[in-house]
Amino acid sequence: MRKHYDKNTASPQTKVNILTLVSAEQQTHNFYKAHGLMYANPTLRKLYAEIGDVEEEHVSMYESLMEPTETIFEKLLLHEFTEVCNYYTCMQQETNEHFKKIWEEFLSYEIDHLHSAAKLLQKHENKDAEEVIGNTIIEPNKFLSQKDYIAKILREQSDLRLTDGKDIGYTKKRRTS
């Protein structure tokens, strides 16, 4: 497991990035688990089940990056803030006016949810939302082509393996000849 962020010193950007990553992995896991059994081919069903298991491991690994001592109200606030940030990013990057209005509508719903979460945090913990999420919208991602980046990573890192023990890091895969 990796070291989790410190809720008192981590930037809102770090928190939003991790929550966005966890939610994407959770969606991928849910897809494979929900749809894997729909296929008639038994090999494909087994493959989807295995991929679903791997995705579940990814979810657990990325969730371990989150601060375990965050309160339920801090977690709720971060969840809603992450949704606001992601919808905002989608709205900002959308070029089709019809779809942009849809993103804008959903963003307004999420802003309402964020306000509700902030009120709960204030009511139950006497804590201002800015202490947890700052006062700026975070743009966690850009929806651009990543083909060049992925090709570069595959060239440079395909033979790296995660190491165990205290010295968490990566090592080159041993070549067998």
Protein backbone atom coordinates (compact mmCIF):
# COMPACT_ATOMS: atom_id res chain seq x y z
CA MET A 1 0.00 0.00 0.00
CA ARG A 2 1.05 3.55 -0.66
CA LYS A 3 1.12 6.35 1.89
CA HIS A 4 -2.16 8.24 2.10
CA TYR A 5 -2.35 12.00 1.86
CA ASP A 6 -2.45 14.08 5.04
CA LYS A 7 -5.84 15.78 5.22
CA ASN A 8 -4.34 18.84 6.90
CA THR A 9 -1.55 19.47 4.41
CA ALA A 10 -2.66 17.92 1.10
CA SER A 11 -3.88 20.37 -1.49
CA PRO A 12 -7.49 20.23 -2.68
CA GLN A 13 -6.03 19.33 -6.11
CA THR A 14 -4.46 16.18 -4.66
CA LYS A 15 -7.70 15.18 -2.96
CA VAL A 16 -9.80 15.78 -6.08
CA ASN A 17 -7.35 13.90 -8.28
CA ILE A 18 -7.40 10.86 -6.00
CA LEU A 19 -11.19 10.85 -5.67
CA THR A 20 -11.53 11.19 -9.45
CA LEU A 21 -9.17 8.27 -9.94
CA VAL A 22 -11.04 6.13 -7.41
CA SER A 23 -14.39 6.89 -9.03
CA ALA A 24 -13.09 6.02 -12.50
CA GLU A 25 -11.69 2.72 -11.24
CA GLN A 26 -14.94 1.99 -9.39
CA GLN A 27 -16.93 2.58 -12.59
CA THR A 28 -14.62 0.26 -14.51
CA HIS A 29 -14.96 -2.40 -11.81
CA ASN A 30 -18.74 -2.06 -11.80
CA PHE A 31 -18.89 -2.39 -15.58
CA TYR A 32 -16.96 -5.65 -15.68
CA LYS A 33 -18.83 -7.12 -12.71
CA ALA A 34 -22.25 -6.08 -14.01
CA HIS A 35 -21.82 -7.00 -17.66
CA GLY A 36 -19.37 -9.89 -17.62
CA LEU A 37 -22.04 -12.52 -17.17
CA MET A 38 -24.12 -11.21 -20.07
CA TYR A 39 -21.94 -12.91 -22.66
CA ALA A 40 -22.64 -16.43 -23.86
CA ASN A 41 -18.97 -17.24 -24.36
CA PRO A 42 -17.65 -18.85 -21.14
CA THR A 43 -14.08 -17.73 -21.84
CA LEU A 44 -15.23 -14.14 -22.17
CA ARG A 45 -17.24 -14.41 -18.94
CA LYS A 46 -14.15 -15.69 -17.12
CA LEU A 47 -12.03 -12.92 -18.61
CA TYR A 48 -14.50 -10.24 -17.52
CA ALA A 49 -14.65 -11.76 -14.03
CA GLU A 50 -10.86 -11.70 -13.80
CA ILE A 51 -10.67 -8.11 -15.06
CA GLY A 52 -13.35 -7.18 -12.52
CA ASP A 53 -11.24 -8.71 -9.74
CA VAL A 54 -8.18 -6.76 -10.87
CA GLU A 55 -10.21 -3.56 -11.00
CA GLU A 56 -11.41 -4.24 -7.45
CA GLU A 57 -7.76 -4.42 -6.38
CA HIS A 58 -7.14 -1.09 -8.13
CA VAL A 59 -10.05 0.50 -6.28
CA SER A 60 -8.68 -0.73 -2.95
CA MET A 61 -5.17 0.43 -3.78
CA TYR A 62 -6.28 3.92 -4.81
CA GLU A 63 -8.68 4.23 -1.88
CA SER A 64 -5.70 3.62 0.39
CA LEU A 65 -4.30 6.95 -0.83
CA MET A 66 -7.17 8.74 0.90
CA GLU A 67 -6.82 9.98 4.47
CA PRO A 68 -8.40 7.35 6.75
CA THR A 69 -9.16 9.82 9.55
CA GLU A 70 -11.34 12.12 7.47
CA THR A 71 -14.75 12.39 9.05
CA ILE A 72 -17.89 11.30 7.25
CA PHE A 73 -18.78 14.97 6.69
CA GLU A 74 -15.34 15.77 5.28
CA LYS A 75 -15.65 12.76 2.97
CA LEU A 76 -19.12 13.88 1.87
CA LEU A 77 -17.85 17.40 1.18
CA LEU A 78 -14.87 16.07 -0.80
CA HIS A 79 -17.13 13.75 -2.78
CA GLU A 80 -19.48 16.58 -3.73
CA PHE A 81 -16.59 18.95 -4.44
CA THR A 82 -15.00 16.38 -6.74
CA GLU A 83 -18.26 16.05 -8.64
CA VAL A 84 -18.50 19.84 -8.96
CA CYS A 85 -14.94 19.98 -10.27
CA ASN A 86 -15.51 17.20 -12.80
CA TYR A 87 -18.80 18.62 -14.09
CA TYR A 88 -17.21 22.06 -14.30
CA THR A 89 -14.33 20.63 -16.32
CA CYS A 90 -16.73 18.87 -18.69
CA MET A 91 -18.77 22.04 -19.11
CA GLN A 92 -15.68 24.17 -19.76
CA GLN A 93 -14.30 21.80 -22.37
CA GLU A 94 -17.56 21.07 -24.18
CA THR A 95 -17.72 22.65 -27.63
CA ASN A 96 -21.28 21.64 -28.53
CA GLU A 97 -23.65 24.24 -27.06
CA HIS A 98 -26.48 21.72 -26.64
CA PHE A 99 -24.32 19.42 -24.53
CA LYS A 100 -22.68 22.33 -22.73
CA LYS A 101 -26.11 23.33 -21.39
CA ILE A 102 -26.63 19.79 -20.08
CA TRP A 103 -23.25 19.87 -18.30
CA GLU A 104 -24.17 23.27 -16.89
CA GLU A 105 -27.48 21.95 -15.55
CA PHE A 106 -25.82 18.98 -13.86
CA LEU A 107 -23.13 21.27 -12.47
CA SER A 108 -25.83 23.38 -10.83
CA TYR A 109 -27.25 20.24 -9.17
CA GLU A 110 -23.81 19.33 -7.85
CA ILE A 111 -23.24 22.85 -6.55
CA ASP A 112 -26.48 22.50 -4.57
CA HIS A 113 -25.22 19.17 -3.19
CA LEU A 114 -21.92 20.82 -2.28
CA HIS A 115 -23.73 23.59 -0.40
CA SER A 116 -25.73 20.97 1.51
CA ALA A 117 -22.56 19.07 2.42
CA ALA A 118 -20.91 22.31 3.55
CA LYS A 119 -23.88 23.08 5.80
CA LEU A 120 -23.68 19.61 7.35
CA LEU A 121 -19.94 20.02 7.97
CA GLN A 122 -20.58 23.38 9.62
CA LYS A 123 -23.50 22.10 11.68
CA HIS A 124 -21.95 18.86 12.95
CA GLU A 125 -18.25 19.72 13.13
CA ASN A 126 -18.29 23.51 13.31
CA LYS A 127 -15.85 23.52 10.42
CA ASP A 128 -15.86 25.76 7.38
CA ALA A 129 -15.79 24.00 4.00
CA GLU A 130 -12.80 26.09 2.90
CA GLU A 131 -10.68 24.32 5.52
CA VAL A 132 -11.21 21.07 3.60
CA ILE A 133 -11.57 22.08 -0.05
CA GLY A 134 -10.12 25.56 -0.34
CA ASN A 135 -11.93 28.25 -2.29
CA THR A 136 -11.09 27.45 -5.92
CA ILE A 137 -12.61 25.07 -8.44
CA ILE A 138 -10.08 22.38 -9.35
CA GLU A 139 -9.83 21.13 -12.91
CA PRO A 140 -8.83 17.53 -12.28
CA ASN A 141 -8.46 16.50 -15.87
CA LYS A 142 -8.45 17.54 -19.46
CA PHE A 143 -10.27 15.36 -21.91
CA LEU A 144 -7.64 15.27 -24.62
CA SER A 145 -6.05 12.54 -26.67
CA GLN A 146 -3.57 10.57 -24.58
CA LYS A 147 -2.22 8.28 -27.31
CA ASP A 148 1.27 9.79 -27.37
CA TYR A 149 1.52 9.78 -23.58
CA ILE A 150 0.36 6.16 -23.31
CA ALA A 151 2.79 5.05 -26.02
CA LYS A 152 5.63 6.81 -24.17
CA ILE A 153 4.71 5.20 -20.83
CA LEU A 154 4.48 1.76 -22.42
CA ARG A 155 7.92 2.20 -24.01
CA GLU A 156 9.51 3.44 -20.79
CA GLN A 157 7.74 1.46 -18.09
CA SER A 158 6.33 -1.79 -19.44
CA ASP A 159 9.10 -3.78 -17.77
CA LEU A 160 8.78 -2.13 -14.34
CA ARG A 161 7.31 -4.08 -11.43
CA LEU A 162 6.10 -2.89 -8.03
CA THR A 163 8.41 -3.89 -5.19
CA ASP A 164 7.25 -5.22 -1.84
CA GLY A 165 8.34 -4.40 1.65
CA LYS A 166 9.43 -1.18 3.28
CA ASP A 167 11.16 0.22 0.21
CA ILE A 168 8.10 0.84 -1.92
CA GLY A 169 9.12 1.54 -5.46
CA TYR A 170 9.68 -0.08 -8.81
CA THR A 171 12.22 -2.47 -10.21
CA LYS A 172 12.97 -3.69 -13.71
CA LYS A 173 11.42 -7.01 -14.67
CA ARG A 174 13.97 -9.79 -14.78
CA ARG A 175 14.62 -11.01 -18.28
CA THR A 176 14.64 -14.74 -18.81
CA SER A 177 16.74 -16.06 -21.62
